[in-house]
Amino acid sequence: MSTLYAISGVTGMTGNELVRQILERKDSCDHILGFDNFFASSMETVKDCINDKRFEFFEYDINNKMQMECFEKNVAQQKHLYDEVIYMNCAAVVHTEHFYHVYETFETNVLGMNAFMQQAIRVGAEKYINCSTSEVYSMNSWNEDGGVREDEFLTMSNAEHSQRTSYAVGKLITEFFIKDAVDTGKIKGCSVRFANVYSKNERFPKHIIPFIINSFQDNGKVVLLENSRRNRRTFLNNYDSCSAVLALAGTDSALDGTVYNVATDEEISIIDLAKLCADKMGISDPVIEFKGYRESDPERRLLSTEKIRTRTSWKPVINLDKGLDECIASYRNRCYS
């Protein structure tokens, strides 16, 4: 079966790895139409794919109506050449400092997502994968029984406590959009709640793993938030997050409009994470300092992945040890190239 993929945020952390994994299927006749506005990425992330004739890139913004009309025309003109059309929304305002920017996150994560889904419905796409976030679990993001499940009630902080949660609330709304579209028979699809994804291809050291590596490399120390004295997390390599998206897209029975956690159960404290990175970088006595505090930051985030493992063949294959080695090697190659 040949597939036409329409991917937003295609040079971002999720989008660029999706492109790579799709193109690795050498015997397929699949084609990718992707766009990005380079808010948090660059063409550098897809430089190894850009000359592949199966990948067409457009420098478009999901919030630009005219550009999205042009993109829709491209999909409509090519869809008859393929057996199915799959839309994947990877556009998101994800860097931590933007979590508090209500209008920016609302425009891209809520309005942009819904407009892109409505476009998918108009062109007759068969499927829509909505990339959400584990931030929706907010302060209730773990339990001792294998992690929090998708069907558990959420406990989110409110506006009097933290503006950060506006990002999570917006993402949660998108999950209702796709559920309604599936329930009313407009399209097949689902939402994916990723937990602490990291990538060797991150352009900016905004997330915790590249931040730690960058800090040790450039400053010989790392300054963490006070929250990090007690926080614990699991970390998901973006190879595994993207293989999960493709596993869901390829499993029609899973596209029932519901939500899927995608995570690992390899939990580590932020302090131990910093020490592990330092050890891998040859720093025997790392300097770790603490400054600042982040509101509505859960001490732990541990998600159950029983649902996706049961309904698809997906399981993570990149453990933290291997993933950190890749990140450190990639960062050093960029520094010395």
C-alpha atoms as a PDB file:
ATOM      1  CA  MET A   1       0.000   0.000   0.000  1.00  0.00           C
ATOM      2  CA  SER A   2       1.308   3.466  -0.894  1.00  0.00           C
ATOM      3  CA  THR A   3       0.734   6.374   1.463  1.00  0.00           C
ATOM      4  CA  LEU A   4       0.829  10.134   1.063  1.00  0.00           C
ATOM      5  CA  TYR A   5       1.904  11.714   4.361  1.00  0.00           C
ATOM      6  CA  ALA A   6       1.085  15.349   5.209  1.00  0.00           C
ATOM      7  CA  ILE A   7       3.232  16.428   8.169  1.00  0.00           C
ATOM      8  CA  SER A   8       3.270  19.730  10.046  1.00  0.00           C
ATOM      9  CA  GLY A   9       6.319  20.749  12.068  1.00  0.00           C
ATOM     10  CA  VAL A  10       8.343  18.496   9.803  1.00  0.00           C
ATOM     11  CA  THR A  11      11.792  19.766  10.800  1.00  0.00           C
ATOM     12  CA  GLY A  12      11.017  19.646  14.524  1.00  0.00           C
ATOM     13  CA  MET A  13      11.974  16.885  16.912  1.00  0.00           C
ATOM     14  CA  THR A  14       9.152  14.513  15.972  1.00  0.00           C
ATOM     15  CA  GLY A  15       8.680  15.561  12.359  1.00  0.00           C
ATOM     16  CA  ASN A  16      12.249  15.103  11.121  1.00  0.00           C
ATOM     17  CA  GLU A  17      12.558  11.629  12.607  1.00  0.00           C
ATOM     18  CA  LEU A  18       9.206  10.615  11.100  1.00  0.00           C
ATOM     19  CA  VAL A  19      10.537  11.639   7.691  1.00  0.00           C
ATOM     20  CA  ARG A  20      13.656   9.571   8.231  1.00  0.00           C
ATOM     21  CA  GLN A  21      11.795   6.448   9.300  1.00  0.00           C
ATOM     22  CA  ILE A  22       9.295   6.704   6.447  1.00  0.00           C
ATOM     23  CA  LEU A  23      12.039   7.111   3.855  1.00  0.00           C
ATOM     24  CA  GLU A  24      13.957   4.161   5.294  1.00  0.00           C
ATOM     25  CA  ARG A  25      11.247   1.923   3.854  1.00  0.00           C
ATOM     26  CA  LYS A  26      13.173   1.540   0.614  1.00  0.00           C
ATOM     27  CA  ASP A  27      10.654  -0.751  -1.066  1.00  0.00           C
ATOM     28  CA  SER A  28       7.702   1.594  -0.485  1.00  0.00           C
ATOM     29  CA  CYS A  29       6.120   4.111  -2.845  1.00  0.00           C
ATOM     30  CA  ASP A  30       5.245   6.505  -0.031  1.00  0.00           C
ATOM     31  CA  HIS A  31       5.533  10.265  -0.406  1.00  0.00           C
ATOM     32  CA  ILE A  32       5.836  13.071   2.158  1.00  0.00           C
ATOM     33  CA  LEU A  33       4.564  16.625   1.975  1.00  0.00           C
ATOM     34  CA  GLY A  34       5.905  18.501   4.983  1.00  0.00           C
ATOM     35  CA  PHE A  35       6.151  22.061   6.224  1.00  0.00           C
ATOM     36  CA  ASP A  36       7.680  24.078   9.055  1.00  0.00           C
ATOM     37  CA  ASN A  37       8.203  27.715  10.025  1.00  0.00           C
ATOM     38  CA  PHE A  38      11.540  27.023  11.796  1.00  0.00           C
ATOM     39  CA  PHE A  39      10.257  28.317  15.131  1.00  0.00           C
ATOM     40  CA  ALA A  40      12.381  25.765  16.988  1.00  0.00           C
ATOM     41  CA  SER A  41      14.290  23.971  14.252  1.00  0.00           C
ATOM     42  CA  SER A  42      16.069  24.380  10.934  1.00  0.00           C
ATOM     43  CA  MET A  43      16.650  22.597   7.647  1.00  0.00           C
ATOM     44  CA  GLU A  44      19.721  21.088   9.285  1.00  0.00           C
ATOM     45  CA  THR A  45      17.555  18.382  10.871  1.00  0.00           C
ATOM     46  CA  VAL A  46      16.438  17.016   7.489  1.00  0.00           C
ATOM     47  CA  LYS A  47      19.580  17.714   5.438  1.00  0.00           C
ATOM     48  CA  ASP A  48      20.075  13.975   4.944  1.00  0.00           C
ATOM     49  CA  CYS A  49      16.550  13.649   3.500  1.00  0.00           C
ATOM     50  CA  ILE A  50      15.956  16.848   1.553  1.00  0.00           C
ATOM     51  CA  ASN A  51      17.300  15.519  -1.753  1.00  0.00           C
ATOM     52  CA  ASP A  52      15.081  12.453  -1.667  1.00  0.00           C
ATOM     53  CA  LYS A  53      12.410  12.914  -4.353  1.00  0.00           C
ATOM     54  CA  ARG A  54       9.868  11.277  -2.044  1.00  0.00           C
ATOM     55  CA  PHE A  55      10.061  14.268   0.330  1.00  0.00           C
ATOM     56  CA  GLU A  56       8.717  17.731  -0.550  1.00  0.00           C
ATOM     57  CA  PHE A  57       9.359  20.543   1.923  1.00  0.00           C
ATOM     58  CA  PHE A  58       7.513  23.865   2.223  1.00  0.00           C
ATOM     59  CA  GLU A  59       8.481  26.764   4.469  1.00  0.00           C
ATOM     60  CA  TYR A  60       4.964  27.359   5.737  1.00  0.00           C
ATOM     61  CA  ASP A  61       3.393  28.408   9.034  1.00  0.00           C
ATOM     62  CA  ILE A  62       0.401  26.421  10.288  1.00  0.00           C
ATOM     63  CA  ASN A  63      -1.204  29.731  11.337  1.00  0.00           C
ATOM     64  CA  ASN A  64      -0.855  31.314   7.880  1.00  0.00           C
ATOM     65  CA  LYS A  65      -4.185  30.774   6.119  1.00  0.00           C
ATOM     66  CA  MET A  66      -2.897  31.435   2.601  1.00  0.00           C
ATOM     67  CA  GLN A  67       0.037  29.060   3.008  1.00  0.00           C
ATOM     68  CA  MET A  68      -2.231  26.359   4.400  1.00  0.00           C
ATOM     69  CA  GLU A  69      -4.547  26.752   1.402  1.00  0.00           C
ATOM     70  CA  CYS A  70      -1.562  26.174  -0.883  1.00  0.00           C
ATOM     71  CA  PHE A  71      -0.558  23.124   1.118  1.00  0.00           C
ATOM     72  CA  GLU A  72      -4.083  21.726   0.936  1.00  0.00           C
ATOM     73  CA  LYS A  73      -4.072  22.130  -2.856  1.00  0.00           C
ATOM     74  CA  ASN A  74      -0.828  20.173  -3.073  1.00  0.00           C
ATOM     75  CA  VAL A  75      -2.306  17.311  -1.068  1.00  0.00           C
ATOM     76  CA  ALA A  76      -5.521  17.332  -3.105  1.00  0.00           C
ATOM     77  CA  GLN A  77      -3.617  17.269  -6.390  1.00  0.00           C
ATOM     78  CA  GLN A  78      -1.502  14.275  -5.396  1.00  0.00           C
ATOM     79  CA  LYS A  79      -3.855  12.157  -3.293  1.00  0.00           C
ATOM     80  CA  HIS A  80      -5.175  10.146  -6.252  1.00  0.00           C
ATOM     81  CA  LEU A  81      -1.676   8.730  -6.786  1.00  0.00           C
ATOM     82  CA  TYR A  82      -1.712   6.919  -3.440  1.00  0.00           C
ATOM     83  CA  ASP A  83      -3.817   4.350  -1.634  1.00  0.00           C
ATOM     84  CA  GLU A  84      -4.291   6.460   1.470  1.00  0.00           C
ATOM     85  CA  VAL A  85      -3.538   9.891   2.932  1.00  0.00           C
ATOM     86  CA  ILE A  86      -2.333  10.280   6.513  1.00  0.00           C
ATOM     87  CA  TYR A  87      -2.065  13.633   8.264  1.00  0.00           C
ATOM     88  CA  MET A  88       0.340  13.936  11.204  1.00  0.00           C
ATOM     89  CA  ASN A  89       0.287  17.089  13.305  1.00  0.00           C
ATOM     90  CA  CYS A  90       3.719  17.638  14.861  1.00  0.00           C
ATOM     91  CA  ALA A  91       3.504  21.435  15.045  1.00  0.00           C
ATOM     92  CA  ALA A  92       3.664  22.646  18.638  1.00  0.00           C
ATOM     93  CA  VAL A  93       4.994  25.417  20.843  1.00  0.00           C
ATOM     94  CA  VAL A  94       6.965  23.074  23.077  1.00  0.00           C
ATOM     95  CA  HIS A  95       9.971  24.791  24.626  1.00  0.00           C
ATOM     96  CA  THR A  96       9.542  25.177  28.367  1.00  0.00           C
ATOM     97  CA  GLU A  97       9.818  28.960  28.399  1.00  0.00           C
ATOM     98  CA  HIS A  98       6.806  29.153  26.069  1.00  0.00           C
ATOM     99  CA  PHE A  99       4.572  27.083  28.362  1.00  0.00           C
ATOM    100  CA  TYR A 100       3.567  30.327  30.066  1.00  0.00           C
ATOM    101  CA  HIS A 101       2.713  32.188  26.830  1.00  0.00           C
ATOM    102  CA  VAL A 102      -1.033  31.629  26.625  1.00  0.00           C
ATOM    103  CA  TYR A 103      -1.739  33.252  23.265  1.00  0.00           C
ATOM    104  CA  GLU A 104       1.179  31.686  21.405  1.00  0.00           C
ATOM    105  CA  THR A 105       0.432  28.180  22.613  1.00  0.00           C
ATOM    106  CA  PHE A 106      -3.296  28.596  21.948  1.00  0.00           C
ATOM    107  CA  GLU A 107      -2.835  29.766  18.373  1.00  0.00           C
ATOM    108  CA  THR A 108      -0.520  26.969  17.276  1.00  0.00           C
ATOM    109  CA  ASN A 109      -1.469  24.081  19.530  1.00  0.00           C
ATOM    110  CA  VAL A 110      -5.245  24.561  19.501  1.00  0.00           C
ATOM    111  CA  LEU A 111      -6.390  26.643  16.530  1.00  0.00           C
ATOM    112  CA  GLY A 112      -3.606  25.414  14.251  1.00  0.00           C
ATOM    113  CA  MET A 113      -4.196  21.773  15.150  1.00  0.00           C
ATOM    114  CA  ASN A 114      -7.948  21.978  14.536  1.00  0.00           C
ATOM    115  CA  ALA A 115      -7.516  23.823  11.225  1.00  0.00           C
ATOM    116  CA  PHE A 116      -5.043  21.185  10.067  1.00  0.00           C
ATOM    117  CA  MET A 117      -7.457  18.416  11.061  1.00  0.00           C
ATOM    118  CA  GLN A 118     -10.316  20.105   9.224  1.00  0.00           C
ATOM    119  CA  GLN A 119      -8.063  20.299   6.171  1.00  0.00           C
ATOM    120  CA  ALA A 120      -7.422  16.568   6.440  1.00  0.00           C
ATOM    121  CA  ILE A 121     -11.162  15.921   6.529  1.00  0.00           C
ATOM    122  CA  ARG A 122     -11.804  18.180   3.519  1.00  0.00           C
ATOM    123  CA  VAL A 123      -9.222  16.457   1.312  1.00  0.00           C
ATOM    124  CA  GLY A 124     -10.575  13.042   2.290  1.00  0.00           C
ATOM    125  CA  ALA A 125      -7.594  11.821   4.302  1.00  0.00           C
ATOM    126  CA  GLU A 126      -8.114   8.455   5.909  1.00  0.00           C
ATOM    127  CA  LYS A 127      -6.210   9.140   9.127  1.00  0.00           C
ATOM    128  CA  TYR A 128      -5.066  11.939  11.445  1.00  0.00           C
ATOM    129  CA  ILE A 129      -2.470  11.476  14.187  1.00  0.00           C
ATOM    130  CA  ASN A 130      -2.526  14.218  16.829  1.00  0.00           C
ATOM    131  CA  CYS A 131       0.695  14.662  18.795  1.00  0.00           C
ATOM    132  CA  SER A 132      -0.304  15.695  22.318  1.00  0.00           C
ATOM    133  CA  THR A 133       1.737  15.746  25.524  1.00  0.00           C
ATOM    134  CA  SER A 134       2.094  14.085  28.911  1.00  0.00           C
ATOM    135  CA  GLU A 135       1.926  17.616  30.378  1.00  0.00           C
ATOM    136  CA  VAL A 136      -1.851  17.070  30.508  1.00  0.00           C
ATOM    137  CA  TYR A 137      -1.285  14.897  33.584  1.00  0.00           C
ATOM    138  CA  SER A 138       0.163  17.933  35.377  1.00  0.00           C
ATOM    139  CA  MET A 139       0.506  17.235  39.107  1.00  0.00           C
ATOM    140  CA  ASN A 140      -1.060  13.766  38.839  1.00  0.00           C
ATOM    141  CA  SER A 141       1.510  12.189  36.551  1.00  0.00           C
ATOM    142  CA  TRP A 142       2.544   8.977  38.291  1.00  0.00           C
ATOM    143  CA  ASN A 143       1.440   6.122  40.474  1.00  0.00           C
ATOM    144  CA  GLU A 144       3.027   2.989  41.883  1.00  0.00           C
ATOM    145  CA  ASP A 145       0.914   0.609  39.775  1.00  0.00           C
ATOM    146  CA  GLY A 146       2.902   0.818  36.571  1.00  0.00           C
ATOM    147  CA  GLY A 147       2.304   4.505  35.938  1.00  0.00           C
ATOM    148  CA  VAL A 148      -0.708   6.688  35.168  1.00  0.00           C
ATOM    149  CA  ARG A 149      -3.089   5.356  32.499  1.00  0.00           C
ATOM    150  CA  GLU A 150      -4.877   7.197  29.720  1.00  0.00           C
ATOM    151  CA  ASP A 151      -8.331   6.655  31.218  1.00  0.00           C
ATOM    152  CA  GLU A 152      -7.515   8.044  34.667  1.00  0.00           C
ATOM    153  CA  PHE A 153      -8.948  11.392  35.727  1.00  0.00           C
ATOM    154  CA  LEU A 154      -6.552  14.325  35.444  1.00  0.00           C
ATOM    155  CA  THR A 155      -5.531  16.627  38.258  1.00  0.00           C
ATOM    156  CA  MET A 156      -4.324  19.860  36.702  1.00  0.00           C
ATOM    157  CA  SER A 157      -3.190  23.067  38.354  1.00  0.00           C
ATOM    158  CA  ASN A 158      -5.416  26.120  37.855  1.00  0.00           C
ATOM    159  CA  ALA A 159      -4.927  29.693  36.669  1.00  0.00           C
ATOM    160  CA  GLU A 160      -4.310  30.947  40.204  1.00  0.00           C
ATOM    161  CA  HIS A 161      -1.448  28.510  40.567  1.00  0.00           C
ATOM    162  CA  SER A 162       0.400  28.556  37.254  1.00  0.00           C
ATOM    163  CA  GLN A 163       0.026  29.857  33.720  1.00  0.00           C
ATOM    164  CA  ARG A 164       2.212  26.954  32.617  1.00  0.00           C
ATOM    165  CA  THR A 165      -0.799  24.661  32.548  1.00  0.00           C
ATOM    166  CA  SER A 166      -2.365  26.687  29.715  1.00  0.00           C
ATOM    167  CA  TYR A 167      -0.093  24.720  27.372  1.00  0.00           C
ATOM    168  CA  ALA A 168      -1.387  21.425  28.728  1.00  0.00           C
ATOM    169  CA  VAL A 169      -5.014  22.566  28.665  1.00  0.00           C
ATOM    170  CA  GLY A 170      -4.640  23.518  24.998  1.00  0.00           C
ATOM    171  CA  LYS A 171      -3.225  20.134  24.129  1.00  0.00           C
ATOM    172  CA  LEU A 172      -6.006  18.440  26.058  1.00  0.00           C
ATOM    173  CA  ILE A 173      -8.594  20.300  23.983  1.00  0.00           C
ATOM    174  CA  THR A 174      -7.034  18.929  20.790  1.00  0.00           C
ATOM    175  CA  GLU A 175      -7.653  15.416  22.086  1.00  0.00           C
ATOM    176  CA  PHE A 176     -11.374  16.238  22.232  1.00  0.00           C
ATOM    177  CA  PHE A 177     -11.240  17.566  18.663  1.00  0.00           C
ATOM    178  CA  ILE A 178      -9.905  14.310  17.239  1.00  0.00           C
ATOM    179  CA  LYS A 179     -12.220  12.208  19.422  1.00  0.00           C
ATOM    180  CA  ASP A 180     -15.227  14.105  18.073  1.00  0.00           C
ATOM    181  CA  ALA A 181     -14.040  13.770  14.456  1.00  0.00           C
ATOM    182  CA  VAL A 182     -13.641  10.008  14.851  1.00  0.00           C
ATOM    183  CA  ASP A 183     -16.887   9.527  16.762  1.00  0.00           C
ATOM    184  CA  THR A 184     -18.820  11.370  14.031  1.00  0.00           C
ATOM    185  CA  GLY A 185     -17.226   9.275  11.281  1.00  0.00           C
ATOM    186  CA  LYS A 186     -15.226  12.053   9.634  1.00  0.00           C
ATOM    187  CA  ILE A 187     -11.800  10.405   9.901  1.00  0.00           C
ATOM    188  CA  LYS A 188      -9.823   7.745  11.764  1.00  0.00           C
ATOM    189  CA  GLY A 189      -7.254   8.903  14.258  1.00  0.00           C
ATOM    190  CA  CYS A 190      -5.917   9.172  17.782  1.00  0.00           C
ATOM    191  CA  SER A 191      -3.864  11.359  20.095  1.00  0.00           C
ATOM    192  CA  VAL A 192      -0.415  10.527  21.433  1.00  0.00           C
ATOM    193  CA  ARG A 193       0.826  11.721  24.820  1.00  0.00           C
ATOM    194  CA  PHE A 194       4.615  11.725  24.646  1.00  0.00           C
ATOM    195  CA  ALA A 195       6.646  11.782  27.849  1.00  0.00           C
ATOM    196  CA  ASN A 196       9.905  13.769  27.959  1.00  0.00           C
ATOM    197  CA  VAL A 197      11.113  13.161  24.434  1.00  0.00           C
ATOM    198  CA  TYR A 198      14.745  13.906  23.607  1.00  0.00           C
ATOM    199  CA  SER A 199      16.721  13.775  20.373  1.00  0.00           C
ATOM    200  CA  LYS A 200      20.311  13.872  19.199  1.00  0.00           C
ATOM    201  CA  ASN A 201      19.143  16.348  16.531  1.00  0.00           C
ATOM    202  CA  GLU A 202      17.762  19.076  18.839  1.00  0.00           C
ATOM    203  CA  ARG A 203      18.960  22.425  17.549  1.00  0.00           C
ATOM    204  CA  PHE A 204      18.583  24.412  20.764  1.00  0.00           C
ATOM    205  CA  PRO A 205      19.530  23.218  24.293  1.00  0.00           C
ATOM    206  CA  LYS A 206      16.062  23.936  25.677  1.00  0.00           C
ATOM    207  CA  HIS A 207      15.060  20.512  26.981  1.00  0.00           C
ATOM    208  CA  ILE A 208      16.852  19.060  29.982  1.00  0.00           C
ATOM    209  CA  ILE A 209      19.164  16.520  28.296  1.00  0.00           C
ATOM    210  CA  PRO A 210      20.694  18.832  25.651  1.00  0.00           C
ATOM    211  CA  PHE A 211      20.753  21.606  28.281  1.00  0.00           C
ATOM    212  CA  ILE A 212      22.865  19.482  30.625  1.00  0.00           C
ATOM    213  CA  ILE A 213      25.233  18.375  27.857  1.00  0.00           C
ATOM    214  CA  ASN A 214      25.582  21.892  26.500  1.00  0.00           C
ATOM    215  CA  SER A 215      26.201  23.348  29.972  1.00  0.00           C
ATOM    216  CA  PHE A 216      28.927  20.874  30.866  1.00  0.00           C
ATOM    217  CA  GLN A 217      30.583  21.261  27.473  1.00  0.00           C
ATOM    218  CA  ASP A 218      30.547  25.070  27.413  1.00  0.00           C
ATOM    219  CA  ASN A 219      30.684  26.035  31.091  1.00  0.00           C
ATOM    220  CA  GLY A 220      32.089  23.024  32.908  1.00  0.00           C
ATOM    221  CA  LYS A 221      29.046  22.987  35.190  1.00  0.00           C
ATOM    222  CA  VAL A 222      25.272  22.831  35.080  1.00  0.00           C
ATOM    223  CA  VAL A 223      22.742  25.060  36.856  1.00  0.00           C
ATOM    224  CA  LEU A 224      19.465  23.240  37.534  1.00  0.00           C
ATOM    225  CA  LEU A 225      16.188  24.444  38.990  1.00  0.00           C
ATOM    226  CA  GLU A 226      15.564  23.897  42.690  1.00  0.00           C
ATOM    227  CA  ASN A 227      12.844  21.437  41.621  1.00  0.00           C
ATOM    228  CA  SER A 228      15.604  19.160  40.322  1.00  0.00           C
ATOM    229  CA  ARG A 229      16.688  18.299  43.859  1.00  0.00           C
ATOM    230  CA  ARG A 230      13.728  15.903  44.033  1.00  0.00           C
ATOM    231  CA  ASN A 231      12.344  15.504  40.516  1.00  0.00           C
ATOM    232  CA  ARG A 232      12.418  12.188  38.676  1.00  0.00           C
ATOM    233  CA  ARG A 233      11.539  11.518  35.039  1.00  0.00           C
ATOM    234  CA  THR A 234      11.544   8.903  32.307  1.00  0.00           C
ATOM    235  CA  PHE A 235      13.064   9.902  28.977  1.00  0.00           C
ATOM    236  CA  LEU A 236      11.887   8.740  25.555  1.00  0.00           C
ATOM    237  CA  ASN A 237      14.228   8.781  22.580  1.00  0.00           C
ATOM    238  CA  ASN A 238      12.546  10.343  19.558  1.00  0.00           C
ATOM    239  CA  TYR A 239      13.341   7.286  17.469  1.00  0.00           C
ATOM    240  CA  ASP A 240      10.938   5.408  19.740  1.00  0.00           C
ATOM    241  CA  SER A 241       8.354   8.200  19.883  1.00  0.00           C
ATOM    242  CA  CYS A 242       8.196   8.270  16.081  1.00  0.00           C
ATOM    243  CA  SER A 243       8.104   4.516  15.686  1.00  0.00           C
ATOM    244  CA  ALA A 244       5.082   4.630  18.003  1.00  0.00           C
ATOM    245  CA  VAL A 245       3.341   7.164  15.742  1.00  0.00           C
ATOM    246  CA  LEU A 246       3.941   4.968  12.707  1.00  0.00           C
ATOM    247  CA  ALA A 247       2.808   1.858  14.578  1.00  0.00           C
ATOM    248  CA  LEU A 248      -0.469   3.568  15.447  1.00  0.00           C
ATOM    249  CA  ALA A 249      -0.915   4.943  11.923  1.00  0.00           C
ATOM    250  CA  GLY A 250      -0.517   1.428  10.579  1.00  0.00           C
ATOM    251  CA  THR A 251      -3.032  -0.134  12.981  1.00  0.00           C
ATOM    252  CA  ASP A 252      -6.560   0.802  11.927  1.00  0.00           C
ATOM    253  CA  SER A 253      -8.146  -0.826  14.977  1.00  0.00           C
ATOM    254  CA  ALA A 254      -6.156   1.519  17.243  1.00  0.00           C
ATOM    255  CA  LEU A 255      -7.428   4.668  15.521  1.00  0.00           C
ATOM    256  CA  ASP A 256     -10.587   4.972  17.589  1.00  0.00           C
ATOM    257  CA  GLY A 257     -10.150   8.600  18.630  1.00  0.00           C
ATOM    258  CA  THR A 258      -8.677   7.765  22.011  1.00  0.00           C
ATOM    259  CA  VAL A 259      -5.346   8.591  23.626  1.00  0.00           C
ATOM    260  CA  TYR A 260      -2.117   6.593  23.828  1.00  0.00           C
ATOM    261  CA  ASN A 261       0.723   7.105  26.277  1.00  0.00           C
ATOM    262  CA  VAL A 262       4.155   6.724  24.704  1.00  0.00           C
ATOM    263  CA  ALA A 263       6.954   6.545  27.242  1.00  0.00           C
ATOM    264  CA  THR A 264       9.513   4.313  28.912  1.00  0.00           C
ATOM    265  CA  ASP A 265       9.618   2.994  32.465  1.00  0.00           C
ATOM    266  CA  GLU A 266      13.340   3.755  32.893  1.00  0.00           C
ATOM    267  CA  GLU A 267      13.010   6.355  35.643  1.00  0.00           C
ATOM    268  CA  ILE A 268      15.935   8.496  36.809  1.00  0.00           C
ATOM    269  CA  SER A 269      16.352  11.544  39.059  1.00  0.00           C
ATOM    270  CA  ILE A 270      17.425  14.778  37.366  1.00  0.00           C
ATOM    271  CA  ILE A 271      20.519  14.910  39.574  1.00  0.00           C
ATOM    272  CA  ASP A 272      21.512  11.369  38.598  1.00  0.00           C
ATOM    273  CA  LEU A 273      20.841  12.256  34.962  1.00  0.00           C
ATOM    274  CA  ALA A 274      23.292  15.150  35.209  1.00  0.00           C
ATOM    275  CA  LYS A 275      25.885  12.921  36.877  1.00  0.00           C
ATOM    276  CA  LEU A 276      25.426  10.262  34.199  1.00  0.00           C
ATOM    277  CA  CYS A 277      25.922  12.797  31.412  1.00  0.00           C
ATOM    278  CA  ALA A 278      29.015  14.138  33.143  1.00  0.00           C
ATOM    279  CA  ASP A 279      30.477  10.659  33.506  1.00  0.00           C
ATOM    280  CA  LYS A 280      29.918   9.938  29.818  1.00  0.00           C
ATOM    281  CA  MET A 281      31.635  13.238  28.988  1.00  0.00           C
ATOM    282  CA  GLY A 282      34.675  12.378  31.076  1.00  0.00           C
ATOM    283  CA  ILE A 283      33.870  14.787  33.919  1.00  0.00           C
ATOM    284  CA  SER A 284      34.742  12.982  37.145  1.00  0.00           C
ATOM    285  CA  ASP A 285      33.532  15.544  39.689  1.00  0.00           C
ATOM    286  CA  PRO A 286      30.717  17.528  38.047  1.00  0.00           C
ATOM    287  CA  VAL A 287      29.681  20.920  39.437  1.00  0.00           C
ATOM    288  CA  ILE A 288      25.893  20.990  39.859  1.00  0.00           C
ATOM    289  CA  GLU A 289      24.272  24.169  41.135  1.00  0.00           C
ATOM    290  CA  PHE A 290      20.634  25.042  41.770  1.00  0.00           C
ATOM    291  CA  LYS A 291      18.813  28.275  41.023  1.00  0.00           C
ATOM    292  CA  GLY A 292      15.211  29.206  40.317  1.00  0.00           C
ATOM    293  CA  TYR A 293      11.921  27.394  40.753  1.00  0.00           C
ATOM    294  CA  ARG A 294       9.191  26.261  38.373  1.00  0.00           C
ATOM    295  CA  GLU A 295       5.558  26.173  39.463  1.00  0.00           C
ATOM    296  CA  SER A 296       3.303  23.201  38.728  1.00  0.00           C
ATOM    297  CA  ASP A 297       6.248  20.906  38.130  1.00  0.00           C
ATOM    298  CA  PRO A 298       5.387  17.332  39.223  1.00  0.00           C
ATOM    299  CA  GLU A 299       8.019  15.502  41.239  1.00  0.00           C
ATOM    300  CA  ARG A 300       7.597  12.379  39.129  1.00  0.00           C
ATOM    301  CA  ARG A 301       6.199  11.539  35.712  1.00  0.00           C
ATOM    302  CA  LEU A 302       5.648   7.850  35.112  1.00  0.00           C
ATOM    303  CA  LEU A 303       3.164   6.688  32.457  1.00  0.00           C
ATOM    304  CA  SER A 304       1.702   3.290  31.738  1.00  0.00           C
ATOM    305  CA  THR A 305       2.237   2.144  28.131  1.00  0.00           C
ATOM    306  CA  GLU A 306       0.176  -1.009  28.424  1.00  0.00           C
ATOM    307  CA  LYS A 307      -2.461   0.306  26.007  1.00  0.00           C
ATOM    308  CA  ILE A 308      -0.196   0.948  23.019  1.00  0.00           C
ATOM    309  CA  ARG A 309       1.814  -2.214  23.665  1.00  0.00           C
ATOM    310  CA  THR A 310      -1.413  -4.236  23.706  1.00  0.00           C
ATOM    311  CA  ARG A 311      -2.987  -2.692  20.607  1.00  0.00           C
ATOM    312  CA  THR A 312       0.146  -2.450  18.446  1.00  0.00           C
ATOM    313  CA  SER A 313       3.527  -4.166  18.207  1.00  0.00           C
ATOM    314  CA  TRP A 314       5.346  -1.066  19.508  1.00  0.00           C
ATOM    315  CA  LYS A 315       7.957  -1.098  22.227  1.00  0.00           C
ATOM    316  CA  PRO A 316      10.925   1.246  22.873  1.00  0.00           C
ATOM    317  CA  VAL A 317      14.301   0.034  21.636  1.00  0.00           C
ATOM    318  CA  ILE A 318      16.668   2.907  22.585  1.00  0.00           C
ATOM    319  CA  ASN A 319      17.503   2.844  26.293  1.00  0.00           C
ATOM    320  CA  LEU A 320      18.741   5.932  28.099  1.00  0.00           C
ATOM    321  CA  ASP A 321      22.367   4.791  28.137  1.00  0.00           C
ATOM    322  CA  LYS A 322      22.498   4.434  24.366  1.00  0.00           C
ATOM    323  CA  GLY A 323      20.436   7.570  23.781  1.00  0.00           C
ATOM    324  CA  LEU A 324      22.737   9.747  25.879  1.00  0.00           C
ATOM    325  CA  ASP A 325      25.786   8.406  24.029  1.00  0.00           C
ATOM    326  CA  GLU A 326      24.153   9.429  20.740  1.00  0.00           C
ATOM    327  CA  CYS A 327      23.274  12.908  22.051  1.00  0.00           C
ATOM    328  CA  ILE A 328      26.766  13.585  23.377  1.00  0.00           C
ATOM    329  CA  ALA A 329      28.440  12.344  20.184  1.00  0.00           C
ATOM    330  CA  SER A 330      26.094  14.418  18.032  1.00  0.00           C
ATOM    331  CA  TYR A 331      26.648  17.560  20.085  1.00  0.00           C
ATOM    332  CA  ARG A 332      30.425  17.195  19.931  1.00  0.00           C
ATOM    333  CA  ASN A 333      30.308  16.595  16.172  1.00  0.00           C
ATOM    334  CA  ARG A 334      28.400  19.854  15.725  1.00  0.00           C
ATOM    335  CA  CYS A 335      30.864  21.728  17.926  1.00  0.00           C
ATOM    336  CA  TYR A 336      33.968  20.481  16.147  1.00  0.00           C
ATOM    337  CA  SER A 337      32.709  20.331  12.567  1.00  0.00           C
END
